[in-house]
Amino acid sequence: MEPGLVCLGIDPGLARMGWGFVRQSGSVLSALAFGCVETTPDMLFQNRILRLYETLGEQIKAARLSDCSPDLLCIERLFFGRNTTTAEYVWQARGAIMLLAAQSGLPVLEPKPAQIKMAVCGSGTADKTQVQRMVQRLLSLDEIPKPDDTADALAVAVAGLAYYGFDQKIRG
């Protein structure tokens, strides 16, 4: 496999959690694998969390077996306005992913949505469509990944690589 840094980006959610592995080799970014884990409201809450945890764990294991092991995990920091019930569920799903990161020995970055938009589009106020189109362009994909959660996870991974590299330079 090509040398470089691999970031696993996560767009956290309970109903849909997007994930994507992105490698940076020099200035070239490439999507290695990506997808979306879905759960349904008719599942018991704890089984929904377990599905997210196990599926992402399987993806990390598969990446390690195929020589695409992630060097870091980047998960979007959440911002919620008024819907505290939704926020509570997503925070719990996010906790399961943080546990998996710790068990996998992966450092974690947590950029805010505006930081992700800045890293991908050069503007912290870019809209969702702009971010998705830039993800497609930056990763040389034939089309914008679907569902939106998948494209968002790839954007998180791209931002993770940008901020991780910047952080490493500062720490020197």
N, C-alpha and C. Protein backbone atom coordinates (compact mmCIF):
# COMPACT_ATOMS: atom_id res chain seq x y z
N MET A 1 0.83 -1.19 0.00
CA MET A 1 0.00 0.00 0.00
C MET A 1 0.87 1.25 0.00
N GLU A 2 0.30 2.30 -0.53
CA GLU A 2 0.94 3.61 -0.58
C GLU A 2 1.17 4.14 0.84
N PRO A 3 2.33 4.74 1.12
CA PRO A 3 2.53 5.31 2.45
C PRO A 3 1.67 6.57 2.62
N GLY A 4 1.43 6.91 3.84
CA GLY A 4 0.67 8.11 4.11
C GLY A 4 -0.08 7.97 5.42
N LEU A 5 -0.79 9.00 5.76
CA LEU A 5 -1.56 9.06 6.99
C LEU A 5 -3.01 8.73 6.67
N VAL A 6 -3.63 7.87 7.48
CA VAL A 6 -5.03 7.49 7.25
C VAL A 6 -5.88 7.98 8.42
N CYS A 7 -6.97 8.66 8.09
CA CYS A 7 -7.91 9.16 9.08
C CYS A 7 -9.27 8.50 8.87
N LEU A 8 -9.86 8.03 9.95
CA LEU A 8 -11.23 7.54 9.93
C LEU A 8 -12.11 8.68 10.39
N GLY A 9 -12.95 9.18 9.49
CA GLY A 9 -13.87 10.27 9.82
C GLY A 9 -15.24 9.71 10.17
N ILE A 10 -15.86 10.30 11.19
CA ILE A 10 -17.18 9.86 11.65
C ILE A 10 -18.14 11.03 11.70
N ASP A 11 -19.30 10.86 11.06
CA ASP A 11 -20.41 11.79 11.21
C ASP A 11 -21.38 11.09 12.16
N PRO A 12 -21.37 11.47 13.45
CA PRO A 12 -22.11 10.71 14.44
C PRO A 12 -23.62 10.88 14.34
N GLY A 13 -24.33 9.80 14.62
CA GLY A 13 -25.77 9.82 14.65
C GLY A 13 -26.27 8.48 15.16
N LEU A 14 -27.50 8.43 15.59
CA LEU A 14 -28.08 7.18 16.07
C LEU A 14 -28.78 6.45 14.93
N ALA A 15 -29.58 7.16 14.14
CA ALA A 15 -30.28 6.53 13.02
C ALA A 15 -29.32 6.23 11.87
N ARG A 16 -28.40 7.17 11.62
CA ARG A 16 -27.39 6.97 10.56
C ARG A 16 -26.07 7.55 11.01
N MET A 17 -25.04 6.73 10.94
CA MET A 17 -23.69 7.16 11.27
C MET A 17 -22.82 6.96 10.03
N GLY A 18 -22.35 8.07 9.47
CA GLY A 18 -21.46 7.97 8.32
C GLY A 18 -20.04 7.72 8.78
N TRP A 19 -19.29 6.98 7.96
CA TRP A 19 -17.88 6.72 8.24
C TRP A 19 -17.10 6.73 6.94
N GLY A 20 -15.83 7.10 7.03
CA GLY A 20 -15.00 7.12 5.83
C GLY A 20 -13.52 7.13 6.18
N PHE A 21 -12.76 6.29 5.49
CA PHE A 21 -11.30 6.25 5.64
C PHE A 21 -10.69 7.05 4.50
N VAL A 22 -9.85 8.03 4.84
CA VAL A 22 -9.18 8.85 3.84
C VAL A 22 -7.68 8.80 4.10
N ARG A 23 -6.91 8.60 3.04
CA ARG A 23 -5.45 8.60 3.14
C ARG A 23 -4.91 9.88 2.53
N GLN A 24 -3.91 10.44 3.20
CA GLN A 24 -3.18 11.57 2.65
C GLN A 24 -1.75 11.13 2.40
N SER A 25 -1.33 11.19 1.14
CA SER A 25 0.05 10.91 0.74
C SER A 25 0.58 12.17 0.09
N GLY A 26 1.43 12.89 0.82
CA GLY A 26 1.87 14.20 0.33
C GLY A 26 0.67 15.12 0.29
N SER A 27 0.39 15.66 -0.89
CA SER A 27 -0.77 16.55 -1.03
C SER A 27 -1.97 15.84 -1.66
N VAL A 28 -1.84 14.52 -1.88
CA VAL A 28 -2.91 13.76 -2.52
C VAL A 28 -3.79 13.09 -1.47
N LEU A 29 -5.10 13.32 -1.61
CA LEU A 29 -6.08 12.69 -0.73
C LEU A 29 -6.83 11.61 -1.52
N SER A 30 -7.08 10.47 -0.87
CA SER A 30 -7.86 9.43 -1.54
C SER A 30 -8.77 8.73 -0.53
N ALA A 31 -9.99 8.46 -0.99
CA ALA A 31 -10.96 7.73 -0.18
C ALA A 31 -10.65 6.24 -0.31
N LEU A 32 -10.44 5.58 0.83
CA LEU A 32 -10.13 4.15 0.82
C LEU A 32 -11.38 3.30 0.95
N ALA A 33 -12.29 3.72 1.82
CA ALA A 33 -13.55 3.01 2.04
C ALA A 33 -14.48 3.97 2.77
N PHE A 34 -15.76 3.83 2.52
CA PHE A 34 -16.73 4.69 3.19
C PHE A 34 -18.11 4.06 3.14
N GLY A 35 -18.96 4.50 4.03
CA GLY A 35 -20.32 3.97 4.08
C GLY A 35 -21.11 4.61 5.20
N CYS A 36 -22.23 3.97 5.51
CA CYS A 36 -23.15 4.49 6.50
C CYS A 36 -23.78 3.32 7.25
N VAL A 37 -23.78 3.39 8.57
CA VAL A 37 -24.44 2.39 9.39
C VAL A 37 -25.82 2.95 9.74
N GLU A 38 -26.85 2.15 9.51
CA GLU A 38 -28.20 2.60 9.82
C GLU A 38 -28.83 1.72 10.89
N THR A 39 -29.59 2.37 11.77
CA THR A 39 -30.38 1.65 12.75
C THR A 39 -31.82 2.15 12.63
N THR A 40 -32.74 1.37 13.14
CA THR A 40 -34.16 1.76 13.02
C THR A 40 -34.77 1.99 14.40
N PRO A 41 -35.76 2.87 14.46
CA PRO A 41 -36.41 3.18 15.74
C PRO A 41 -37.05 1.97 16.42
N ASP A 42 -37.38 0.93 15.65
CA ASP A 42 -38.00 -0.25 16.28
C ASP A 42 -36.98 -1.13 17.03
N MET A 43 -35.70 -0.86 16.86
CA MET A 43 -34.67 -1.58 17.60
C MET A 43 -34.58 -1.02 19.02
N LEU A 44 -34.25 -1.88 19.98
CA LEU A 44 -33.98 -1.39 21.32
C LEU A 44 -32.80 -0.42 21.27
N PHE A 45 -32.85 0.63 22.09
CA PHE A 45 -31.81 1.64 22.05
C PHE A 45 -30.42 1.04 22.20
N GLN A 46 -30.25 0.16 23.20
CA GLN A 46 -28.92 -0.42 23.43
C GLN A 46 -28.46 -1.26 22.24
N ASN A 47 -29.38 -1.85 21.51
CA ASN A 47 -29.01 -2.63 20.32
C ASN A 47 -28.60 -1.72 19.16
N ARG A 48 -29.19 -0.53 19.12
CA ARG A 48 -28.78 0.44 18.11
C ARG A 48 -27.34 0.89 18.36
N ILE A 49 -27.02 1.17 19.62
CA ILE A 49 -25.65 1.57 19.99
C ILE A 49 -24.69 0.42 19.69
N LEU A 50 -25.09 -0.79 20.03
CA LEU A 50 -24.24 -1.96 19.78
C LEU A 50 -23.98 -2.13 18.29
N ARG A 51 -24.99 -1.94 17.48
CA ARG A 51 -24.81 -2.06 16.02
C ARG A 51 -23.79 -1.05 15.50
N LEU A 52 -23.88 0.20 15.96
CA LEU A 52 -22.92 1.22 15.55
C LEU A 52 -21.51 0.82 15.97
N TYR A 53 -21.37 0.42 17.21
CA TYR A 53 -20.07 0.04 17.78
C TYR A 53 -19.47 -1.16 17.04
N GLU A 54 -20.26 -2.20 16.86
CA GLU A 54 -19.74 -3.41 16.22
C GLU A 54 -19.42 -3.19 14.74
N THR A 55 -20.28 -2.47 14.04
CA THR A 55 -20.04 -2.25 12.61
C THR A 55 -18.79 -1.42 12.39
N LEU A 56 -18.63 -0.37 13.17
CA LEU A 56 -17.43 0.45 13.03
C LEU A 56 -16.19 -0.34 13.44
N GLY A 57 -16.31 -1.15 14.48
CA GLY A 57 -15.21 -2.02 14.89
C GLY A 57 -14.80 -2.97 13.78
N GLU A 58 -15.78 -3.51 13.06
CA GLU A 58 -15.49 -4.41 11.93
C GLU A 58 -14.77 -3.65 10.82
N GLN A 59 -15.16 -2.40 10.59
CA GLN A 59 -14.50 -1.60 9.55
C GLN A 59 -13.03 -1.32 9.91
N ILE A 60 -12.79 -1.03 11.18
CA ILE A 60 -11.41 -0.79 11.62
C ILE A 60 -10.59 -2.06 11.47
N LYS A 61 -11.17 -3.19 11.85
CA LYS A 61 -10.47 -4.48 11.73
C LYS A 61 -10.17 -4.79 10.26
N ALA A 62 -11.15 -4.59 9.39
CA ALA A 62 -10.94 -4.84 7.96
C ALA A 62 -9.86 -3.92 7.40
N ALA A 63 -9.84 -2.67 7.83
CA ALA A 63 -8.83 -1.72 7.35
C ALA A 63 -7.44 -2.18 7.78
N ARG A 64 -7.33 -2.66 9.00
CA ARG A 64 -6.03 -3.13 9.49
C ARG A 64 -5.57 -4.36 8.73
N LEU A 65 -6.48 -5.23 8.39
CA LEU A 65 -6.13 -6.44 7.64
C LEU A 65 -5.73 -6.13 6.20
N SER A 66 -6.24 -5.04 5.66
CA SER A 66 -5.92 -4.69 4.27
C SER A 66 -4.82 -3.64 4.17
N ASP A 67 -4.08 -3.45 5.25
CA ASP A 67 -2.95 -2.52 5.26
C ASP A 67 -3.38 -1.06 5.11
N CYS A 68 -4.59 -0.75 5.53
CA CYS A 68 -5.10 0.62 5.48
C CYS A 68 -5.46 1.08 6.88
N SER A 69 -4.71 0.64 7.86
CA SER A 69 -5.01 0.92 9.26
C SER A 69 -5.06 2.42 9.53
N PRO A 70 -6.11 2.86 10.23
CA PRO A 70 -6.19 4.30 10.53
C PRO A 70 -5.14 4.71 11.55
N ASP A 71 -4.62 5.92 11.36
CA ASP A 71 -3.67 6.52 12.30
C ASP A 71 -4.38 7.38 13.33
N LEU A 72 -5.58 7.82 12.99
CA LEU A 72 -6.36 8.65 13.90
C LEU A 72 -7.83 8.56 13.54
N LEU A 73 -8.66 8.96 14.48
CA LEU A 73 -10.09 9.02 14.27
C LEU A 73 -10.52 10.47 14.50
N CYS A 74 -11.35 10.95 13.61
CA CYS A 74 -11.86 12.31 13.72
C CYS A 74 -13.39 12.23 13.74
N ILE A 75 -13.99 12.79 14.78
CA ILE A 75 -15.44 12.75 14.93
C ILE A 75 -15.95 14.17 15.12
N GLU A 76 -16.99 14.49 14.39
CA GLU A 76 -17.53 15.85 14.46
C GLU A 76 -18.03 16.17 15.86
N ARG A 77 -17.62 17.33 16.35
CA ARG A 77 -18.13 17.82 17.64
C ARG A 77 -19.56 18.29 17.39
N LEU A 78 -20.43 17.96 18.29
CA LEU A 78 -21.84 18.23 18.06
C LEU A 78 -22.27 19.60 18.51
N PHE A 79 -23.20 20.15 17.77
CA PHE A 79 -23.85 21.39 18.15
C PHE A 79 -25.35 21.18 17.99
N PHE A 80 -26.09 21.34 19.07
CA PHE A 80 -27.53 21.19 19.01
C PHE A 80 -28.19 22.41 19.60
N GLY A 81 -29.26 22.83 18.99
CA GLY A 81 -30.00 23.97 19.48
C GLY A 81 -30.99 23.57 20.56
N ARG A 82 -32.18 23.24 20.18
CA ARG A 82 -33.24 23.01 21.15
C ARG A 82 -33.60 21.55 21.38
N ASN A 83 -33.31 20.67 20.46
CA ASN A 83 -33.77 19.29 20.59
C ASN A 83 -32.81 18.48 21.47
N THR A 84 -33.03 18.57 22.77
CA THR A 84 -32.13 17.90 23.70
C THR A 84 -32.28 16.39 23.68
N THR A 85 -33.46 15.88 23.30
CA THR A 85 -33.65 14.43 23.21
C THR A 85 -32.76 13.86 22.12
N THR A 86 -32.77 14.47 20.96
CA THR A 86 -31.90 14.02 19.87
C THR A 86 -30.44 14.12 20.28
N ALA A 87 -30.09 15.21 20.91
CA ALA A 87 -28.71 15.41 21.34
C ALA A 87 -28.28 14.32 22.31
N GLU A 88 -29.14 13.96 23.23
CA GLU A 88 -28.82 12.92 24.21
C GLU A 88 -28.49 11.60 23.52
N TYR A 89 -29.31 11.21 22.56
CA TYR A 89 -29.07 9.94 21.86
C TYR A 89 -27.77 9.98 21.05
N VAL A 90 -27.53 11.08 20.38
CA VAL A 90 -26.32 11.19 19.57
C VAL A 90 -25.09 11.23 20.46
N TRP A 91 -25.17 11.89 21.60
CA TRP A 91 -24.03 11.90 22.52
C TRP A 91 -23.73 10.49 23.01
N GLN A 92 -24.75 9.70 23.24
CA GLN A 92 -24.52 8.33 23.69
C GLN A 92 -23.89 7.49 22.57
N ALA A 93 -24.34 7.67 21.35
CA ALA A 93 -23.73 6.98 20.21
C ALA A 93 -22.28 7.41 20.05
N ARG A 94 -22.05 8.69 20.23
CA ARG A 94 -20.71 9.25 20.14
C ARG A 94 -19.80 8.65 21.22
N GLY A 95 -20.34 8.43 22.40
CA GLY A 95 -19.59 7.81 23.48
C GLY A 95 -19.12 6.42 23.13
N ALA A 96 -19.97 5.65 22.46
CA ALA A 96 -19.59 4.30 22.03
C ALA A 96 -18.44 4.36 21.03
N ILE A 97 -18.45 5.37 20.17
CA ILE A 97 -17.37 5.52 19.18
C ILE A 97 -16.08 5.95 19.88
N MET A 98 -16.18 6.80 20.87
CA MET A 98 -14.99 7.21 21.64
C MET A 98 -14.39 6.01 22.36
N LEU A 99 -15.24 5.14 22.91
CA LEU A 99 -14.76 3.92 23.56
C LEU A 99 -14.01 3.05 22.55
N LEU A 100 -14.58 2.89 21.37
CA LEU A 100 -13.94 2.09 20.33
C LEU A 100 -12.59 2.69 19.93
N ALA A 101 -12.53 4.01 19.82
CA ALA A 101 -11.26 4.68 19.49
C ALA A 101 -10.22 4.39 20.56
N ALA A 102 -10.61 4.48 21.83
CA ALA A 102 -9.67 4.20 22.93
C ALA A 102 -9.21 2.75 22.89
N GLN A 103 -10.14 1.84 22.67
CA GLN A 103 -9.78 0.42 22.61
C GLN A 103 -8.88 0.11 21.42
N SER A 104 -9.02 0.89 20.36
CA SER A 104 -8.23 0.68 19.14
C SER A 104 -6.92 1.45 19.17
N GLY A 105 -6.70 2.23 20.21
CA GLY A 105 -5.46 2.99 20.33
C GLY A 105 -5.36 4.15 19.36
N LEU A 106 -6.50 4.71 18.97
CA LEU A 106 -6.51 5.80 17.99
C LEU A 106 -6.63 7.16 18.67
N PRO A 107 -5.73 8.09 18.35
CA PRO A 107 -5.94 9.45 18.84
C PRO A 107 -7.20 10.02 18.21
N VAL A 108 -7.87 10.90 18.93
CA VAL A 108 -9.14 11.45 18.46
C VAL A 108 -9.06 12.96 18.32
N LEU A 109 -9.54 13.46 17.20
CA LEU A 109 -9.73 14.90 16.98
C LEU A 109 -11.23 15.14 16.91
N GLU A 110 -11.67 16.31 17.40
CA GLU A 110 -13.09 16.64 17.45
C GLU A 110 -13.35 18.05 16.91
N PRO A 111 -13.25 18.24 15.61
CA PRO A 111 -13.50 19.59 15.08
C PRO A 111 -14.99 19.94 15.10
N LYS A 112 -15.26 21.23 15.22
CA LYS A 112 -16.62 21.74 15.16
C LYS A 112 -17.05 21.80 13.69
N PRO A 113 -18.36 21.84 13.44
CA PRO A 113 -18.83 21.90 12.05
C PRO A 113 -18.18 23.02 11.23
N ALA A 114 -18.03 24.21 11.81
CA ALA A 114 -17.42 25.33 11.07
C ALA A 114 -15.96 25.04 10.74
N GLN A 115 -15.25 24.33 11.61
CA GLN A 115 -13.86 23.98 11.34
C GLN A 115 -13.76 22.96 10.19
N ILE A 116 -14.71 22.06 10.14
CA ILE A 116 -14.74 21.07 9.04
C ILE A 116 -14.99 21.79 7.72
N LYS A 117 -15.96 22.68 7.71
CA LYS A 117 -16.26 23.46 6.50
C LYS A 117 -15.06 24.28 6.07
N MET A 118 -14.35 24.86 7.03
CA MET A 118 -13.17 25.66 6.73
C MET A 118 -12.08 24.79 6.10
N ALA A 119 -11.84 23.62 6.66
CA ALA A 119 -10.79 22.74 6.15
C ALA A 119 -11.10 22.21 4.76
N VAL A 120 -12.37 21.96 4.49
CA VAL A 120 -12.76 21.37 3.21
C VAL A 120 -13.02 22.43 2.13
N CYS A 121 -13.66 23.53 2.52
CA CYS A 121 -14.08 24.53 1.53
C CYS A 121 -13.36 25.87 1.63
N GLY A 122 -12.65 26.08 2.72
CA GLY A 122 -11.99 27.37 2.90
C GLY A 122 -12.89 28.43 3.50
N SER A 123 -14.10 28.04 3.89
CA SER A 123 -15.05 28.96 4.52
C SER A 123 -15.84 28.21 5.58
N GLY A 124 -15.88 28.74 6.78
CA GLY A 124 -16.62 28.12 7.86
C GLY A 124 -18.12 28.24 7.74
N THR A 125 -18.56 28.98 6.71
CA THR A 125 -20.00 29.14 6.50
C THR A 125 -20.49 28.45 5.22
N ALA A 126 -19.66 27.58 4.65
CA ALA A 126 -20.06 26.85 3.43
C ALA A 126 -21.33 26.05 3.71
N ASP A 127 -22.17 25.93 2.68
CA ASP A 127 -23.38 25.12 2.88
C ASP A 127 -23.10 23.64 2.58
N LYS A 128 -24.06 22.81 2.91
CA LYS A 128 -23.92 21.36 2.80
C LYS A 128 -23.55 20.93 1.36
N THR A 129 -24.17 21.53 0.39
CA THR A 129 -23.89 21.18 -1.01
C THR A 129 -22.45 21.52 -1.39
N GLN A 130 -21.97 22.68 -0.95
CA GLN A 130 -20.58 23.06 -1.23
C GLN A 130 -19.61 22.05 -0.62
N VAL A 131 -19.86 21.64 0.61
CA VAL A 131 -18.99 20.67 1.28
C VAL A 131 -19.00 19.35 0.52
N GLN A 132 -20.16 18.90 0.13
CA GLN A 132 -20.26 17.62 -0.59
C GLN A 132 -19.54 17.68 -1.94
N ARG A 133 -19.69 18.77 -2.65
CA ARG A 133 -19.00 18.90 -3.94
C ARG A 133 -17.49 18.97 -3.78
N MET A 134 -17.02 19.64 -2.73
CA MET A 134 -15.58 19.70 -2.48
C MET A 134 -15.04 18.34 -2.07
N VAL A 135 -15.79 17.58 -1.30
CA VAL A 135 -15.38 16.22 -0.94
C VAL A 135 -15.22 15.40 -2.22
N GLN A 136 -16.20 15.49 -3.10
CA GLN A 136 -16.12 14.78 -4.38
C GLN A 136 -14.87 15.17 -5.15
N ARG A 137 -14.61 16.46 -5.22
CA ARG A 137 -13.47 16.97 -5.98
C ARG A 137 -12.14 16.61 -5.32
N LEU A 138 -12.02 16.85 -4.00
CA LEU A 138 -10.77 16.59 -3.29
C LEU A 138 -10.37 15.11 -3.33
N LEU A 139 -11.39 14.23 -3.31
CA LEU A 139 -11.12 12.79 -3.28
C LEU A 139 -11.23 12.14 -4.66
N SER A 140 -11.42 12.96 -5.69
CA SER A 140 -11.54 12.47 -7.08
C SER A 140 -12.57 11.36 -7.22
N LEU A 141 -13.74 11.59 -6.66
CA LEU A 141 -14.82 10.61 -6.73
C LEU A 141 -15.71 10.91 -7.93
N ASP A 142 -16.26 9.88 -8.53
CA ASP A 142 -17.13 10.05 -9.69
C ASP A 142 -18.43 10.78 -9.35
N GLU A 143 -18.90 10.57 -8.12
CA GLU A 143 -20.13 11.22 -7.69
C GLU A 143 -20.06 11.53 -6.20
N ILE A 144 -20.99 12.35 -5.74
CA ILE A 144 -21.07 12.68 -4.32
C ILE A 144 -21.57 11.44 -3.59
N PRO A 145 -20.85 11.01 -2.55
CA PRO A 145 -21.29 9.82 -1.81
C PRO A 145 -22.67 10.02 -1.18
N LYS A 146 -23.43 8.97 -1.17
CA LYS A 146 -24.77 8.98 -0.57
C LYS A 146 -24.83 7.90 0.49
N PRO A 147 -25.62 8.07 1.52
CA PRO A 147 -26.38 9.25 1.87
C PRO A 147 -25.47 10.39 2.34
N ASP A 148 -26.08 11.52 2.66
CA ASP A 148 -25.33 12.70 3.08
C ASP A 148 -24.36 12.41 4.23
N ASP A 149 -24.76 11.51 5.13
CA ASP A 149 -23.92 11.19 6.29
C ASP A 149 -22.57 10.63 5.86
N THR A 150 -22.54 9.92 4.75
CA THR A 150 -21.29 9.35 4.23
C THR A 150 -20.38 10.46 3.72
N ALA A 151 -20.94 11.37 2.91
CA ALA A 151 -20.15 12.50 2.41
C ALA A 151 -19.66 13.36 3.57
N ASP A 152 -20.51 13.53 4.59
CA ASP A 152 -20.11 14.31 5.76
C ASP A 152 -18.95 13.64 6.49
N ALA A 153 -18.99 12.31 6.62
CA ALA A 153 -17.90 11.58 7.29
C ALA A 153 -16.59 11.74 6.54
N LEU A 154 -16.64 11.72 5.22
CA LEU A 154 -15.42 11.93 4.42
C LEU A 154 -14.89 13.34 4.63
N ALA A 155 -15.79 14.32 4.74
CA ALA A 155 -15.37 15.70 5.03
C ALA A 155 -14.70 15.77 6.40
N VAL A 156 -15.24 15.05 7.37
CA VAL A 156 -14.65 15.01 8.71
C VAL A 156 -13.24 14.42 8.63
N ALA A 157 -13.07 13.36 7.84
CA ALA A 157 -11.74 12.74 7.69
C ALA A 157 -10.75 13.70 7.04
N VAL A 158 -11.18 14.41 6.01
CA VAL A 158 -10.32 15.39 5.34
C VAL A 158 -9.90 16.47 6.35
N ALA A 159 -10.86 16.95 7.12
CA ALA A 159 -10.55 17.97 8.13
C ALA A 159 -9.60 17.40 9.18
N GLY A 160 -9.83 16.15 9.58
CA GLY A 160 -8.96 15.51 10.56
C GLY A 160 -7.52 15.47 10.09
N LEU A 161 -7.32 15.14 8.83
CA LEU A 161 -5.95 15.10 8.28
C LEU A 161 -5.34 16.50 8.27
N ALA A 162 -6.13 17.49 7.90
CA ALA A 162 -5.62 18.87 7.86
C ALA A 162 -5.23 19.35 9.26
N TYR A 163 -6.10 19.14 10.22
CA TYR A 163 -5.84 19.62 11.57
C TYR A 163 -4.77 18.79 12.28
N TYR A 164 -4.71 17.50 12.01
CA TYR A 164 -3.70 16.65 12.62
C TYR A 164 -2.31 17.08 12.14
N GLY A 165 -2.19 17.29 10.85
CA GLY A 165 -0.92 17.75 10.29
C GLY A 165 -0.51 19.09 10.86
N PHE A 166 -1.46 20.00 10.99
CA PHE A 166 -1.20 21.32 11.55
C PHE A 166 -0.76 21.21 13.01
N ASP A 167 -1.47 20.37 13.77
CA ASP A 167 -1.17 20.16 15.18
C ASP A 167 0.25 19.59 15.35
N GLN A 168 0.62 18.67 14.47
CA GLN A 168 1.95 18.05 14.56
C GLN A 168 3.05 19.08 14.27
N LYS A 169 2.80 20.00 13.34
CA LYS A 169 3.78 21.03 13.02
C LYS A 169 3.97 21.99 14.20
N ILE A 170 2.86 22.32 14.85
CA ILE A 170 2.93 23.23 16.00
C ILE A 170 3.71 22.58 17.15
N ARG A 171 3.44 21.31 17.39
CA ARG A 171 4.11 20.61 18.49
C ARG A 171 5.59 20.36 18.18
N GLY A 172 5.89 20.36 16.86
CA GLY A 172 7.24 20.26 16.37
C GLY A 172 7.99 19.09 16.81
